[in-house]
N, C-alpha and C. Protein backbone atom coordinates (compact mmCIF):
# COMPACT_ATOMS: atom_id res chain seq x y z
N MET A 1 -21.96 27.15 3.28
CA MET A 1 -21.78 27.25 4.72
C MET A 1 -21.12 28.60 5.02
N ASN A 2 -21.72 29.39 5.84
CA ASN A 2 -21.20 30.71 6.18
C ASN A 2 -20.35 30.64 7.44
N THR A 3 -19.08 30.30 7.27
CA THR A 3 -18.15 30.16 8.38
C THR A 3 -16.73 30.37 7.89
N LEU A 4 -15.83 30.69 8.78
CA LEU A 4 -14.43 30.87 8.41
C LEU A 4 -13.73 29.55 8.09
N PHE A 5 -14.22 28.46 8.66
CA PHE A 5 -13.57 27.15 8.51
C PHE A 5 -14.57 26.10 8.02
N PRO A 6 -14.98 26.17 6.75
CA PRO A 6 -16.02 25.26 6.25
C PRO A 6 -15.50 23.90 5.80
N TYR A 7 -14.18 23.71 5.78
CA TYR A 7 -13.63 22.50 5.17
C TYR A 7 -13.10 21.51 6.19
N LEU A 8 -13.19 20.25 5.82
CA LEU A 8 -12.63 19.18 6.63
C LEU A 8 -11.11 19.20 6.52
N ASN A 9 -10.44 18.99 7.63
CA ASN A 9 -8.97 18.91 7.66
C ASN A 9 -8.62 17.62 8.38
N SER A 10 -8.01 16.69 7.67
CA SER A 10 -7.68 15.39 8.28
C SER A 10 -6.45 15.46 9.17
N GLY A 11 -5.94 16.66 9.42
CA GLY A 11 -4.79 16.82 10.30
C GLY A 11 -5.11 16.52 11.75
N GLY A 12 -6.37 16.47 12.10
CA GLY A 12 -6.76 16.14 13.47
C GLY A 12 -8.22 15.78 13.54
N TYR A 13 -8.52 14.78 14.34
CA TYR A 13 -9.91 14.39 14.55
C TYR A 13 -10.04 13.75 15.92
N ILE A 14 -11.22 13.83 16.46
CA ILE A 14 -11.51 13.22 17.75
C ILE A 14 -12.85 12.50 17.66
N GLY A 15 -13.05 11.58 18.54
CA GLY A 15 -14.31 10.85 18.57
C GLY A 15 -14.20 9.65 19.47
N LYS A 16 -15.27 8.91 19.52
CA LYS A 16 -15.26 7.67 20.30
C LYS A 16 -14.37 6.65 19.59
N ALA A 17 -13.58 5.94 20.37
CA ALA A 17 -12.60 5.01 19.82
C ALA A 17 -13.24 3.99 18.89
N LYS A 18 -14.38 3.45 19.26
CA LYS A 18 -15.04 2.44 18.42
C LYS A 18 -15.45 3.03 17.08
N ALA A 19 -15.98 4.23 17.08
CA ALA A 19 -16.41 4.86 15.83
C ALA A 19 -15.21 5.12 14.92
N ILE A 20 -14.13 5.64 15.47
CA ILE A 20 -12.94 5.90 14.67
C ILE A 20 -12.37 4.59 14.14
N ARG A 21 -12.32 3.57 15.00
CA ARG A 21 -11.81 2.25 14.58
C ARG A 21 -12.67 1.69 13.44
N ASP A 22 -13.99 1.82 13.56
CA ASP A 22 -14.89 1.31 12.51
C ASP A 22 -14.63 2.03 11.18
N PHE A 23 -14.45 3.34 11.23
CA PHE A 23 -14.14 4.07 10.00
C PHE A 23 -12.80 3.63 9.43
N LEU A 24 -11.77 3.55 10.29
CA LEU A 24 -10.45 3.18 9.81
C LEU A 24 -10.39 1.76 9.27
N ASN A 25 -11.25 0.89 9.76
CA ASN A 25 -11.30 -0.48 9.25
C ASN A 25 -11.78 -0.54 7.80
N THR A 26 -12.39 0.53 7.31
CA THR A 26 -12.84 0.56 5.91
C THR A 26 -11.75 1.11 4.98
N TYR A 27 -10.66 1.59 5.56
CA TYR A 27 -9.55 2.17 4.78
C TYR A 27 -8.87 1.08 3.97
N ASP A 28 -8.76 1.26 2.69
CA ASP A 28 -8.16 0.26 1.80
C ASP A 28 -6.69 0.61 1.55
N GLU A 29 -5.80 -0.09 2.23
CA GLU A 29 -4.36 0.18 2.10
C GLU A 29 -3.81 -0.29 0.76
N ASN A 30 -4.61 -1.04 0.01
CA ASN A 30 -4.14 -1.55 -1.28
C ASN A 30 -4.41 -0.58 -2.42
N GLU A 31 -5.07 0.53 -2.14
CA GLU A 31 -5.32 1.51 -3.18
C GLU A 31 -3.99 2.05 -3.68
N GLU A 32 -3.96 2.43 -4.96
CA GLU A 32 -2.70 2.90 -5.57
C GLU A 32 -2.12 4.10 -4.84
N ARG A 33 -2.97 5.04 -4.44
CA ARG A 33 -2.49 6.24 -3.75
C ARG A 33 -3.24 6.37 -2.43
N ILE A 34 -2.53 6.31 -1.33
CA ILE A 34 -3.15 6.47 -0.03
C ILE A 34 -3.25 7.96 0.27
N ASP A 35 -4.44 8.43 0.56
CA ASP A 35 -4.67 9.85 0.80
C ASP A 35 -5.65 9.98 1.96
N ASP A 36 -5.14 10.32 3.14
CA ASP A 36 -6.01 10.40 4.31
C ASP A 36 -7.01 11.55 4.20
N GLN A 37 -6.65 12.63 3.54
CA GLN A 37 -7.58 13.75 3.38
C GLN A 37 -8.79 13.29 2.57
N LEU A 38 -8.57 12.65 1.45
CA LEU A 38 -9.67 12.16 0.61
C LEU A 38 -10.49 11.11 1.36
N PHE A 39 -9.82 10.23 2.09
CA PHE A 39 -10.53 9.22 2.87
C PHE A 39 -11.52 9.87 3.83
N TRP A 40 -11.06 10.86 4.62
CA TRP A 40 -11.95 11.48 5.61
C TRP A 40 -13.02 12.36 4.96
N ILE A 41 -12.70 12.97 3.81
CA ILE A 41 -13.73 13.73 3.09
C ILE A 41 -14.86 12.80 2.69
N ASN A 42 -14.51 11.64 2.13
CA ASN A 42 -15.55 10.67 1.73
C ASN A 42 -16.32 10.16 2.94
N MET A 43 -15.63 9.88 4.04
CA MET A 43 -16.32 9.44 5.25
C MET A 43 -17.31 10.51 5.73
N TYR A 44 -16.88 11.76 5.72
CA TYR A 44 -17.76 12.86 6.14
C TYR A 44 -18.96 12.99 5.22
N LEU A 45 -18.71 13.02 3.91
CA LEU A 45 -19.81 13.19 2.95
C LEU A 45 -20.84 12.06 3.04
N ASN A 46 -20.38 10.87 3.38
CA ASN A 46 -21.29 9.72 3.48
C ASN A 46 -21.86 9.51 4.88
N ASN A 47 -21.42 10.32 5.86
CA ASN A 47 -21.86 10.12 7.25
C ASN A 47 -22.09 11.46 7.96
N LYS A 48 -22.65 12.43 7.26
CA LYS A 48 -22.87 13.75 7.86
C LYS A 48 -23.76 13.70 9.09
N ASP A 49 -24.54 12.65 9.21
CA ASP A 49 -25.44 12.52 10.37
C ASP A 49 -24.68 12.17 11.65
N ILE A 50 -23.44 11.66 11.52
CA ILE A 50 -22.69 11.29 12.73
C ILE A 50 -21.30 11.91 12.80
N ILE A 51 -20.89 12.64 11.75
CA ILE A 51 -19.59 13.31 11.75
C ILE A 51 -19.84 14.81 11.64
N GLY A 52 -19.20 15.57 12.52
CA GLY A 52 -19.34 17.02 12.48
C GLY A 52 -18.00 17.68 12.23
N LEU A 53 -18.05 18.91 11.74
CA LEU A 53 -16.84 19.70 11.50
C LEU A 53 -16.75 20.82 12.53
N ASP A 54 -15.55 21.13 12.94
CA ASP A 54 -15.32 22.24 13.87
C ASP A 54 -15.19 23.52 13.04
N THR A 55 -16.30 24.05 12.58
CA THR A 55 -16.31 25.19 11.65
C THR A 55 -16.05 26.53 12.33
N ASN A 56 -15.94 26.55 13.64
CA ASN A 56 -15.72 27.79 14.37
C ASN A 56 -14.39 27.79 15.12
N ALA A 57 -13.56 26.76 14.89
CA ALA A 57 -12.26 26.64 15.56
C ALA A 57 -12.41 26.61 17.07
N GLU A 58 -13.38 25.87 17.55
CA GLU A 58 -13.57 25.74 19.00
C GLU A 58 -12.59 24.75 19.61
N ILE A 59 -12.19 23.74 18.84
CA ILE A 59 -11.24 22.73 19.31
C ILE A 59 -9.94 22.81 18.53
N PHE A 60 -10.05 22.82 17.19
CA PHE A 60 -8.91 22.84 16.28
C PHE A 60 -8.86 24.18 15.55
N LEU A 61 -7.67 24.74 15.46
CA LEU A 61 -7.47 25.92 14.61
C LEU A 61 -6.44 25.56 13.55
N ASN A 62 -6.85 25.56 12.30
CA ASN A 62 -5.93 25.40 11.19
C ASN A 62 -5.47 26.81 10.82
N THR A 63 -4.18 27.07 10.93
CA THR A 63 -3.67 28.42 10.74
C THR A 63 -3.57 28.84 9.27
N CYS A 64 -3.82 27.94 8.35
CA CYS A 64 -3.76 28.27 6.93
C CYS A 64 -4.73 29.42 6.63
N ALA A 65 -4.22 30.45 6.02
CA ALA A 65 -5.00 31.63 5.60
C ALA A 65 -5.57 32.42 6.77
N THR A 66 -5.00 32.25 7.96
CA THR A 66 -5.41 33.09 9.09
C THR A 66 -4.37 34.19 9.27
N ASP A 67 -4.76 35.24 9.94
CA ASP A 67 -3.87 36.37 10.16
C ASP A 67 -3.44 36.38 11.63
N LYS A 68 -2.15 36.51 11.86
CA LYS A 68 -1.61 36.49 13.23
C LYS A 68 -2.19 37.59 14.11
N LYS A 69 -2.74 38.63 13.51
CA LYS A 69 -3.32 39.71 14.33
C LYS A 69 -4.51 39.21 15.16
N TYR A 70 -5.05 38.05 14.79
CA TYR A 70 -6.17 37.48 15.54
C TYR A 70 -5.71 36.48 16.61
N TYR A 71 -4.40 36.30 16.79
CA TYR A 71 -3.86 35.41 17.81
C TYR A 71 -3.63 36.21 19.08
N SER A 72 -4.11 35.69 20.19
CA SER A 72 -3.95 36.39 21.45
C SER A 72 -3.47 35.39 22.51
N PHE A 73 -2.50 35.80 23.30
CA PHE A 73 -2.01 35.00 24.42
C PHE A 73 -2.16 35.83 25.69
N THR A 74 -2.98 35.37 26.59
CA THR A 74 -3.17 36.05 27.87
C THR A 74 -3.17 35.00 28.97
N ASN A 75 -2.34 35.20 29.98
CA ASN A 75 -2.23 34.23 31.09
C ASN A 75 -1.99 32.81 30.57
N ASN A 76 -1.08 32.68 29.60
CA ASN A 76 -0.74 31.39 29.00
C ASN A 76 -1.92 30.69 28.33
N LYS A 77 -2.90 31.46 27.89
CA LYS A 77 -4.06 30.89 27.21
C LYS A 77 -4.16 31.49 25.81
N PHE A 78 -4.28 30.62 24.82
CA PHE A 78 -4.40 31.06 23.44
C PHE A 78 -5.86 31.37 23.11
N ARG A 79 -6.07 32.45 22.36
CA ARG A 79 -7.41 32.80 21.90
C ARG A 79 -7.32 33.22 20.44
N TYR A 80 -8.25 32.72 19.65
CA TYR A 80 -8.37 33.16 18.27
C TYR A 80 -9.51 34.17 18.25
N THR A 81 -9.15 35.44 18.22
CA THR A 81 -10.14 36.50 18.45
C THR A 81 -11.13 36.67 17.31
N GLU A 82 -10.79 36.23 16.11
CA GLU A 82 -11.73 36.38 15.00
C GLU A 82 -13.00 35.55 15.22
N THR A 83 -12.86 34.38 15.83
CA THR A 83 -14.04 33.56 16.14
C THR A 83 -14.38 33.59 17.63
N ARG A 84 -13.57 34.31 18.41
CA ARG A 84 -13.76 34.40 19.86
C ARG A 84 -13.78 33.01 20.52
N THR A 85 -12.82 32.17 20.10
CA THR A 85 -12.71 30.82 20.63
C THR A 85 -11.32 30.58 21.20
N ASN A 86 -11.22 29.53 22.02
CA ASN A 86 -9.95 29.12 22.62
C ASN A 86 -9.64 27.69 22.17
N PRO A 87 -9.22 27.51 20.92
CA PRO A 87 -8.94 26.16 20.46
C PRO A 87 -7.79 25.52 21.23
N SER A 88 -7.90 24.23 21.47
CA SER A 88 -6.88 23.50 22.21
C SER A 88 -5.76 23.00 21.32
N ILE A 89 -6.05 22.82 20.04
CA ILE A 89 -5.07 22.26 19.11
C ILE A 89 -4.88 23.25 17.97
N ILE A 90 -3.61 23.61 17.73
CA ILE A 90 -3.26 24.53 16.66
C ILE A 90 -2.55 23.72 15.58
N HIS A 91 -3.11 23.70 14.38
CA HIS A 91 -2.53 22.96 13.26
C HIS A 91 -1.90 23.95 12.30
N ALA A 92 -0.57 24.04 12.34
CA ALA A 92 0.16 24.96 11.47
C ALA A 92 0.76 24.17 10.33
N ASN A 93 -0.05 23.96 9.30
CA ASN A 93 0.42 23.15 8.17
C ASN A 93 1.39 23.92 7.31
N SER A 94 2.20 23.18 6.60
CA SER A 94 3.23 23.77 5.75
C SER A 94 2.66 24.10 4.38
N SER A 95 3.22 25.12 3.76
CA SER A 95 2.83 25.45 2.39
C SER A 95 3.68 24.67 1.38
N ASP A 96 4.67 23.91 1.87
CA ASP A 96 5.55 23.14 1.00
C ASP A 96 4.87 21.85 0.59
N LYS A 97 4.47 21.76 -0.65
CA LYS A 97 3.81 20.56 -1.17
C LYS A 97 4.70 19.85 -2.19
N SER A 98 6.02 19.98 -2.04
CA SER A 98 6.95 19.43 -3.02
C SER A 98 7.18 17.93 -2.85
N TYR A 99 6.73 17.35 -1.76
CA TYR A 99 6.98 15.93 -1.55
C TYR A 99 6.08 15.12 -2.37
């Protein structure tokens, strides 16, 4: 996939309530290790016909590996100039994985 954001990020998702509820009802809380990232990756890989990724940061911008020089604020509006989009949700994940 030729895009800046080719990967699924379970930090945020949107959709119709019934569809999300149906997916979440398949979540097995009894598994030894609960991992929402792996859960949504599997859901995506098995349902590519009905799940899409925001590969252009039109709605969600994950700031991991992005450069601040591409952040623009004009008239209280955020713009990610590298993709020329105005994402509504900015996900600034931590690099601390010690937990």
